[in-house]
Amino acid sequence: MNVYEMEGFMRGKCMPRDILVNESTAEYLVRKLNEATALKAERDALAVENGQLKEMNSSLCAELQEYESDNDDFGPAPQSVVNCFALLTPNTDTAITAIEARGVEKFADFLGKQYQCEKTNTAKGKAYKHVVFLACRFAREMQEAK
């Protein structure tokens, strides 16, 4: 659905194709937002899984290269035993960085709430403020490094 169709739907001029019988506008929008949230969670899970596979491939390549170097005493092999592929996954790396940045932002929000409960002129309050500032800056740097 594009902006033009959404505007027509919100004004009651047209109906989306996937609206259910007797479903109100609010129910439709809630259902669509829940579907989008579920897709985002699934994408994040796949990105994490892909990152784990990438780490496993790297460690396997390192072990195979050690094995190949240990067997050099028997003479040169006609063909390299190890053929490791460098997995280039920029989309996965970007998604994992975004997930990590969201975690840092949530941590900064938590510390910000702690700071609001603390007196600002105390040493503890100043420490909270400083750590919140550093966490926000770190999250921003992570997002910019994509």
N, C-alpha and C. Protein backbone atom coordinates (compact mmCIF):
# COMPACT_ATOMS: atom_id res chain seq x y z
N MET A 1 0.85 -1.16 0.00
CA MET A 1 0.00 0.00 0.00
C MET A 1 0.90 1.23 0.00
N ASN A 2 0.62 2.14 -0.89
CA ASN A 2 1.41 3.37 -0.94
C ASN A 2 0.68 4.49 -0.20
N VAL A 3 1.26 5.67 -0.17
CA VAL A 3 0.70 6.79 0.59
C VAL A 3 -0.66 7.20 0.03
N TYR A 4 -0.79 7.22 -1.30
CA TYR A 4 -2.05 7.61 -1.92
C TYR A 4 -3.17 6.65 -1.54
N GLU A 5 -2.90 5.35 -1.59
CA GLU A 5 -3.90 4.36 -1.20
C GLU A 5 -4.22 4.45 0.28
N MET A 6 -3.21 4.67 1.13
CA MET A 6 -3.44 4.79 2.56
C MET A 6 -4.32 6.00 2.87
N GLU A 7 -4.07 7.11 2.17
CA GLU A 7 -4.88 8.30 2.40
C GLU A 7 -6.34 8.03 2.02
N GLY A 8 -6.56 7.35 0.90
CA GLY A 8 -7.91 7.00 0.49
C GLY A 8 -8.57 6.06 1.49
N PHE A 9 -7.81 5.14 2.02
CA PHE A 9 -8.34 4.21 3.02
C PHE A 9 -8.72 4.94 4.29
N MET A 10 -7.85 5.84 4.75
CA MET A 10 -8.10 6.57 6.00
C MET A 10 -9.32 7.50 5.86
N ARG A 11 -9.58 7.99 4.66
CA ARG A 11 -10.73 8.87 4.43
C ARG A 11 -12.00 8.09 4.08
N GLY A 12 -11.87 6.77 3.98
CA GLY A 12 -13.04 5.95 3.69
C GLY A 12 -13.42 5.90 2.23
N LYS A 13 -12.51 6.27 1.34
CA LYS A 13 -12.79 6.30 -0.10
C LYS A 13 -12.55 4.95 -0.76
N CYS A 14 -11.66 4.15 -0.19
CA CYS A 14 -11.36 2.85 -0.79
C CYS A 14 -10.99 1.87 0.32
N MET A 15 -10.94 0.60 -0.04
CA MET A 15 -10.62 -0.46 0.91
C MET A 15 -9.41 -1.24 0.40
N PRO A 16 -8.49 -1.64 1.29
CA PRO A 16 -7.37 -2.47 0.85
C PRO A 16 -7.84 -3.87 0.49
N ARG A 17 -7.09 -4.53 -0.37
CA ARG A 17 -7.47 -5.87 -0.83
C ARG A 17 -7.44 -6.90 0.29
N ASP A 18 -6.57 -6.73 1.26
CA ASP A 18 -6.40 -7.76 2.28
C ASP A 18 -7.16 -7.49 3.58
N ILE A 19 -8.10 -6.56 3.56
CA ILE A 19 -8.90 -6.31 4.76
C ILE A 19 -9.88 -7.46 4.93
N LEU A 20 -10.10 -7.86 6.18
CA LEU A 20 -11.00 -8.97 6.48
C LEU A 20 -12.44 -8.47 6.59
N VAL A 21 -13.38 -9.38 6.41
CA VAL A 21 -14.79 -9.03 6.51
C VAL A 21 -15.08 -8.56 7.93
N ASN A 22 -15.80 -7.47 8.07
CA ASN A 22 -16.19 -6.86 9.35
C ASN A 22 -14.99 -6.40 10.19
N GLU A 23 -13.85 -6.15 9.56
CA GLU A 23 -12.68 -5.65 10.27
C GLU A 23 -12.67 -4.13 10.22
N SER A 24 -12.53 -3.49 11.36
CA SER A 24 -12.51 -2.03 11.39
C SER A 24 -11.15 -1.52 10.91
N THR A 25 -11.10 -0.22 10.68
CA THR A 25 -9.85 0.41 10.25
C THR A 25 -8.77 0.24 11.31
N ALA A 26 -9.13 0.46 12.55
CA ALA A 26 -8.15 0.31 13.64
C ALA A 26 -7.65 -1.12 13.74
N GLU A 27 -8.56 -2.09 13.64
CA GLU A 27 -8.16 -3.50 13.71
C GLU A 27 -7.23 -3.86 12.55
N TYR A 28 -7.54 -3.33 11.36
CA TYR A 28 -6.70 -3.59 10.19
C TYR A 28 -5.29 -3.03 10.41
N LEU A 29 -5.22 -1.78 10.88
CA LEU A 29 -3.91 -1.16 11.08
C LEU A 29 -3.11 -1.87 12.17
N VAL A 30 -3.77 -2.30 13.24
CA VAL A 30 -3.08 -3.04 14.30
C VAL A 30 -2.56 -4.36 13.75
N ARG A 31 -3.38 -5.05 12.95
CA ARG A 31 -2.94 -6.32 12.37
C ARG A 31 -1.73 -6.12 11.47
N LYS A 32 -1.75 -5.07 10.66
CA LYS A 32 -0.63 -4.80 9.75
C LYS A 32 0.64 -4.43 10.53
N LEU A 33 0.50 -3.65 11.58
CA LEU A 33 1.67 -3.29 12.39
C LEU A 33 2.24 -4.52 13.10
N ASN A 34 1.37 -5.40 13.57
CA ASN A 34 1.85 -6.64 14.20
C ASN A 34 2.58 -7.52 13.20
N GLU A 35 2.07 -7.59 11.97
CA GLU A 35 2.75 -8.37 10.93
C GLU A 35 4.12 -7.78 10.63
N ALA A 36 4.21 -6.45 10.57
CA ALA A 36 5.50 -5.80 10.30
C ALA A 36 6.48 -6.05 11.44
N THR A 37 5.99 -6.00 12.66
CA THR A 37 6.85 -6.26 13.82
C THR A 37 7.36 -7.70 13.81
N ALA A 38 6.46 -8.63 13.46
CA ALA A 38 6.87 -10.04 13.40
C ALA A 38 7.92 -10.25 12.31
N LEU A 39 7.74 -9.60 11.16
CA LEU A 39 8.73 -9.73 10.09
C LEU A 39 10.08 -9.14 10.49
N LYS A 40 10.04 -8.03 11.21
CA LYS A 40 11.28 -7.42 11.65
C LYS A 40 12.00 -8.32 12.65
N ALA A 41 11.25 -8.93 13.57
CA ALA A 41 11.85 -9.84 14.53
C ALA A 41 12.44 -11.06 13.83
N GLU A 42 11.74 -11.56 12.81
CA GLU A 42 12.25 -12.71 12.05
C GLU A 42 13.52 -12.33 11.30
N ARG A 43 13.54 -11.13 10.72
CA ARG A 43 14.74 -10.67 10.01
C ARG A 43 15.92 -10.55 10.95
N ASP A 44 15.67 -10.01 12.15
CA ASP A 44 16.74 -9.87 13.13
C ASP A 44 17.27 -11.24 13.55
N ALA A 45 16.38 -12.20 13.74
CA ALA A 45 16.81 -13.55 14.13
C ALA A 45 17.64 -14.18 13.03
N LEU A 46 17.23 -13.98 11.78
CA LEU A 46 18.01 -14.52 10.66
C LEU A 46 19.37 -13.86 10.55
N ALA A 47 19.42 -12.57 10.82
CA ALA A 47 20.71 -11.87 10.78
C ALA A 47 21.65 -12.41 11.85
N VAL A 48 21.13 -12.65 13.04
CA VAL A 48 21.96 -13.20 14.12
C VAL A 48 22.44 -14.60 13.75
N GLU A 49 21.52 -15.41 13.22
CA GLU A 49 21.89 -16.77 12.82
C GLU A 49 22.96 -16.74 11.72
N ASN A 50 22.81 -15.83 10.76
CA ASN A 50 23.78 -15.71 9.69
C ASN A 50 25.14 -15.27 10.24
N GLY A 51 25.12 -14.39 11.22
CA GLY A 51 26.37 -13.97 11.86
C GLY A 51 27.06 -15.12 12.57
N GLN A 52 26.28 -15.98 13.22
CA GLN A 52 26.85 -17.15 13.89
C GLN A 52 27.45 -18.12 12.88
N LEU A 53 26.77 -18.30 11.75
CA LEU A 53 27.32 -19.16 10.69
C LEU A 53 28.62 -18.59 10.14
N LYS A 54 28.67 -17.29 10.01
CA LYS A 54 29.88 -16.63 9.53
C LYS A 54 31.04 -16.84 10.50
N GLU A 55 30.77 -16.71 11.81
CA GLU A 55 31.80 -16.95 12.82
C GLU A 55 32.26 -18.41 12.79
N MET A 56 31.32 -19.33 12.63
CA MET A 56 31.66 -20.75 12.59
C MET A 56 32.54 -21.04 11.37
N ASN A 57 32.22 -20.44 10.23
CA ASN A 57 33.03 -20.63 9.03
C ASN A 57 34.45 -20.10 9.24
N SER A 58 34.57 -18.96 9.89
CA SER A 58 35.89 -18.39 10.14
C SER A 58 36.73 -19.29 11.04
N SER A 59 36.11 -19.81 12.11
CA SER A 59 36.87 -20.67 13.01
C SER A 59 37.22 -21.99 12.34
N LEU A 60 36.34 -22.52 11.51
CA LEU A 60 36.63 -23.75 10.78
C LEU A 60 37.78 -23.54 9.79
N CYS A 61 37.78 -22.40 9.11
CA CYS A 61 38.88 -22.09 8.19
C CYS A 61 40.20 -21.99 8.93
N ALA A 62 40.18 -21.36 10.11
CA ALA A 62 41.42 -21.23 10.89
C ALA A 62 41.94 -22.60 11.32
N GLU A 63 41.03 -23.48 11.74
CA GLU A 63 41.45 -24.83 12.13
C GLU A 63 42.01 -25.61 10.94
N LEU A 64 41.38 -25.49 9.79
CA LEU A 64 41.86 -26.20 8.60
C LEU A 64 43.22 -25.67 8.15
N GLN A 65 43.43 -24.38 8.29
CA GLN A 65 44.72 -23.82 7.91
C GLN A 65 45.81 -24.29 8.86
N GLU A 66 45.49 -24.44 10.14
CA GLU A 66 46.46 -25.00 11.08
C GLU A 66 46.79 -26.44 10.72
N TYR A 67 45.77 -27.20 10.36
CA TYR A 67 45.97 -28.59 9.96
C TYR A 67 46.85 -28.67 8.73
N GLU A 68 46.62 -27.79 7.76
CA GLU A 68 47.41 -27.79 6.53
C GLU A 68 48.86 -27.42 6.83
N SER A 69 49.08 -26.46 7.72
CA SER A 69 50.45 -26.05 8.04
C SER A 69 51.17 -27.15 8.83
N ASP A 70 50.45 -27.92 9.62
CA ASP A 70 51.07 -29.02 10.36
C ASP A 70 51.52 -30.14 9.43
N ASN A 71 50.88 -30.32 8.31
CA ASN A 71 51.20 -31.40 7.38
C ASN A 71 52.20 -30.99 6.30
N ASP A 72 52.84 -29.84 6.43
CA ASP A 72 53.83 -29.40 5.45
C ASP A 72 55.10 -30.24 5.51
N ASP A 73 55.31 -31.00 6.59
CA ASP A 73 56.51 -31.82 6.75
C ASP A 73 56.56 -32.95 5.72
N PHE A 74 55.43 -33.32 5.19
CA PHE A 74 55.37 -34.44 4.25
C PHE A 74 55.54 -34.01 2.80
N GLY A 75 55.96 -32.82 2.59
CA GLY A 75 56.17 -32.32 1.24
C GLY A 75 55.00 -31.47 0.78
N PRO A 76 55.23 -30.71 -0.29
CA PRO A 76 54.17 -29.82 -0.75
C PRO A 76 53.02 -30.62 -1.36
N ALA A 77 51.84 -30.24 -1.02
CA ALA A 77 50.65 -30.89 -1.57
C ALA A 77 50.40 -30.34 -2.97
N PRO A 78 49.95 -31.18 -3.90
CA PRO A 78 49.71 -30.69 -5.25
C PRO A 78 48.63 -29.62 -5.31
N GLN A 79 47.72 -29.70 -4.42
CA GLN A 79 46.66 -28.71 -4.40
C GLN A 79 46.36 -28.38 -2.95
N SER A 80 46.04 -27.16 -2.67
CA SER A 80 45.78 -26.75 -1.30
C SER A 80 44.59 -27.52 -0.73
N VAL A 81 44.78 -28.03 0.47
CA VAL A 81 43.71 -28.77 1.14
C VAL A 81 42.60 -27.83 1.55
N VAL A 82 42.99 -26.64 1.96
CA VAL A 82 42.03 -25.69 2.49
C VAL A 82 41.64 -24.69 1.41
N ASN A 83 40.36 -24.58 1.19
CA ASN A 83 39.84 -23.57 0.27
C ASN A 83 38.73 -22.84 1.01
N CYS A 84 39.12 -21.87 1.83
CA CYS A 84 38.14 -21.14 2.63
C CYS A 84 37.61 -19.96 1.83
N PHE A 85 36.34 -19.78 1.97
CA PHE A 85 35.70 -18.67 1.28
C PHE A 85 35.48 -17.54 2.27
N ALA A 86 35.84 -16.38 1.85
CA ALA A 86 35.56 -15.21 2.67
C ALA A 86 34.10 -14.84 2.43
N LEU A 87 33.31 -15.01 3.47
CA LEU A 87 31.88 -14.71 3.33
C LEU A 87 31.68 -13.20 3.42
N LEU A 88 31.27 -12.61 2.32
CA LEU A 88 30.96 -11.19 2.31
C LEU A 88 29.46 -11.04 2.54
N THR A 89 29.10 -10.57 3.70
CA THR A 89 27.69 -10.42 4.04
C THR A 89 27.46 -9.01 4.58
N PRO A 90 27.48 -8.02 3.70
CA PRO A 90 27.30 -6.64 4.19
C PRO A 90 25.92 -6.40 4.80
N ASN A 91 24.88 -7.03 4.25
CA ASN A 91 23.54 -6.83 4.80
C ASN A 91 23.44 -7.42 6.20
N THR A 92 24.04 -8.60 6.39
CA THR A 92 24.04 -9.21 7.72
C THR A 92 24.83 -8.35 8.69
N ASP A 93 25.99 -7.88 8.27
CA ASP A 93 26.80 -7.04 9.15
C ASP A 93 26.05 -5.78 9.55
N THR A 94 25.34 -5.17 8.60
CA THR A 94 24.56 -3.97 8.89
C THR A 94 23.43 -4.27 9.86
N ALA A 95 22.73 -5.40 9.64
CA ALA A 95 21.63 -5.77 10.53
C ALA A 95 22.13 -6.06 11.93
N ILE A 96 23.24 -6.76 12.06
CA ILE A 96 23.79 -7.08 13.38
C ILE A 96 24.24 -5.80 14.08
N THR A 97 24.85 -4.88 13.35
CA THR A 97 25.26 -3.62 13.94
C THR A 97 24.05 -2.83 14.43
N ALA A 98 22.96 -2.86 13.65
CA ALA A 98 21.74 -2.16 14.08
C ALA A 98 21.16 -2.79 15.34
N ILE A 99 21.19 -4.11 15.41
CA ILE A 99 20.69 -4.81 16.60
C ILE A 99 21.54 -4.44 17.81
N GLU A 100 22.85 -4.45 17.64
CA GLU A 100 23.74 -4.10 18.74
C GLU A 100 23.54 -2.65 19.17
N ALA A 101 23.36 -1.75 18.20
CA ALA A 101 23.14 -0.34 18.51
C ALA A 101 21.84 -0.15 19.29
N ARG A 102 20.79 -0.90 18.92
CA ARG A 102 19.53 -0.82 19.66
C ARG A 102 19.74 -1.28 21.10
N GLY A 103 20.57 -2.30 21.29
CA GLY A 103 20.85 -2.75 22.66
C GLY A 103 21.55 -1.68 23.46
N VAL A 104 22.49 -0.99 22.85
CA VAL A 104 23.19 0.09 23.54
C VAL A 104 22.23 1.24 23.85
N GLU A 105 21.32 1.53 22.91
CA GLU A 105 20.33 2.59 23.15
C GLU A 105 19.40 2.22 24.30
N LYS A 106 19.00 0.96 24.38
CA LYS A 106 18.14 0.53 25.49
C LYS A 106 18.88 0.64 26.82
N PHE A 107 20.16 0.32 26.80
CA PHE A 107 20.96 0.46 28.00
C PHE A 107 21.06 1.93 28.41
N ALA A 108 21.24 2.81 27.43
CA ALA A 108 21.31 4.25 27.72
C ALA A 108 19.98 4.74 28.27
N ASP A 109 18.85 4.25 27.73
CA ASP A 109 17.54 4.62 28.27
C ASP A 109 17.39 4.17 29.71
N PHE A 110 17.83 2.95 30.00
CA PHE A 110 17.78 2.44 31.37
C PHE A 110 18.59 3.33 32.31
N LEU A 111 19.80 3.67 31.89
CA LEU A 111 20.64 4.53 32.73
C LEU A 111 20.05 5.93 32.85
N GLY A 112 19.40 6.41 31.78
CA GLY A 112 18.76 7.72 31.84
C GLY A 112 17.65 7.74 32.88
N LYS A 113 16.89 6.66 32.97
CA LYS A 113 15.84 6.57 33.99
C LYS A 113 16.46 6.54 35.39
N GLN A 114 17.58 5.84 35.53
CA GLN A 114 18.27 5.81 36.81
C GLN A 114 18.78 7.21 37.18
N TYR A 115 19.26 7.94 36.17
CA TYR A 115 19.76 9.30 36.38
C TYR A 115 18.63 10.22 36.85
N GLN A 116 17.44 10.05 36.27
CA GLN A 116 16.30 10.90 36.65
C GLN A 116 15.88 10.66 38.10
N CYS A 117 16.09 9.45 38.59
CA CYS A 117 15.74 9.14 39.98
C CYS A 117 16.80 9.64 40.97
N GLU A 118 17.97 9.93 40.47
CA GLU A 118 19.10 10.33 41.32
C GLU A 118 19.17 11.86 41.38
N LYS A 119 19.73 12.38 42.46
CA LYS A 119 19.96 13.82 42.54
C LYS A 119 21.09 14.17 41.59
N THR A 120 20.91 15.23 40.80
CA THR A 120 21.86 15.55 39.73
C THR A 120 23.20 16.04 40.24
N ASN A 121 23.26 16.63 41.42
CA ASN A 121 24.52 17.20 41.90
C ASN A 121 25.39 16.21 42.66
N THR A 122 24.91 15.00 42.85
CA THR A 122 25.72 14.01 43.57
C THR A 122 26.72 13.38 42.59
N ALA A 123 27.70 12.73 43.17
CA ALA A 123 28.71 12.06 42.33
C ALA A 123 28.07 10.94 41.52
N LYS A 124 27.13 10.23 42.13
CA LYS A 124 26.45 9.14 41.44
C LYS A 124 25.62 9.69 40.27
N GLY A 125 24.94 10.81 40.49
CA GLY A 125 24.15 11.43 39.43
C GLY A 125 25.02 11.89 38.27
N LYS A 126 26.14 12.48 38.58
CA LYS A 126 27.07 12.92 37.52
C LYS A 126 27.64 11.73 36.76
N ALA A 127 27.90 10.64 37.49
CA ALA A 127 28.42 9.43 36.83
C ALA A 127 27.37 8.86 35.87
N TYR A 128 26.10 8.80 36.33
CA TYR A 128 25.03 8.33 35.44
C TYR A 128 24.94 9.19 34.19
N LYS A 129 24.99 10.49 34.36
CA LYS A 129 24.88 11.42 33.23
C LYS A 129 26.02 11.19 32.24
N HIS A 130 27.22 11.02 32.76
CA HIS A 130 28.38 10.80 31.89
C HIS A 130 28.27 9.49 31.13
N VAL A 131 27.83 8.42 31.80
CA VAL A 131 27.72 7.11 31.15
C VAL A 131 26.59 7.13 30.11
N VAL A 132 25.49 7.82 30.41
CA VAL A 132 24.40 7.94 29.43
C VAL A 132 24.91 8.66 28.18
N PHE A 133 25.65 9.72 28.38
CA PHE A 133 26.23 10.46 27.25
C PHE A 133 27.14 9.57 26.41
N LEU A 134 28.02 8.82 27.08
CA LEU A 134 28.94 7.94 26.36
C LEU A 134 28.20 6.83 25.62
N ALA A 135 27.18 6.25 26.24
CA ALA A 135 26.41 5.18 25.59
C ALA A 135 25.69 5.70 24.35
N CYS A 136 25.08 6.87 24.46
CA CYS A 136 24.40 7.47 23.29
C CYS A 136 25.39 7.76 22.17
N ARG A 137 26.54 8.28 22.52
CA ARG A 137 27.55 8.57 21.51
C ARG A 137 28.05 7.29 20.85
N PHE A 138 28.26 6.25 21.65
CA PHE A 138 28.72 4.98 21.11
C PHE A 138 27.67 4.37 20.17
N ALA A 139 26.40 4.42 20.54
CA ALA A 139 25.33 3.90 19.67
C ALA A 139 25.29 4.67 18.36
N ARG A 140 25.43 5.98 18.43
CA ARG A 140 25.42 6.81 17.21
C ARG A 140 26.61 6.46 16.31
N GLU A 141 27.79 6.26 16.90
CA GLU A 141 28.97 5.87 16.13
C GLU A 141 28.79 4.51 15.47
N MET A 142 28.14 3.58 16.19
CA MET A 142 27.87 2.26 15.62
C MET A 142 26.96 2.38 14.40
N GLN A 143 25.93 3.20 14.50
CA GLN A 143 25.00 3.36 13.39
C GLN A 143 25.64 4.07 12.20
N GLU A 144 26.53 5.01 12.46
CA GLU A 144 27.21 5.73 11.38
C GLU A 144 28.25 4.86 10.68
N ALA A 145 28.76 3.86 11.36
CA ALA A 145 29.82 3.01 10.80
C ALA A 145 29.28 1.98 9.82
N LYS A 146 27.97 1.94 9.61
CA LYS A 146 27.37 0.97 8.69
C LYS A 146 28.01 1.15 7.36
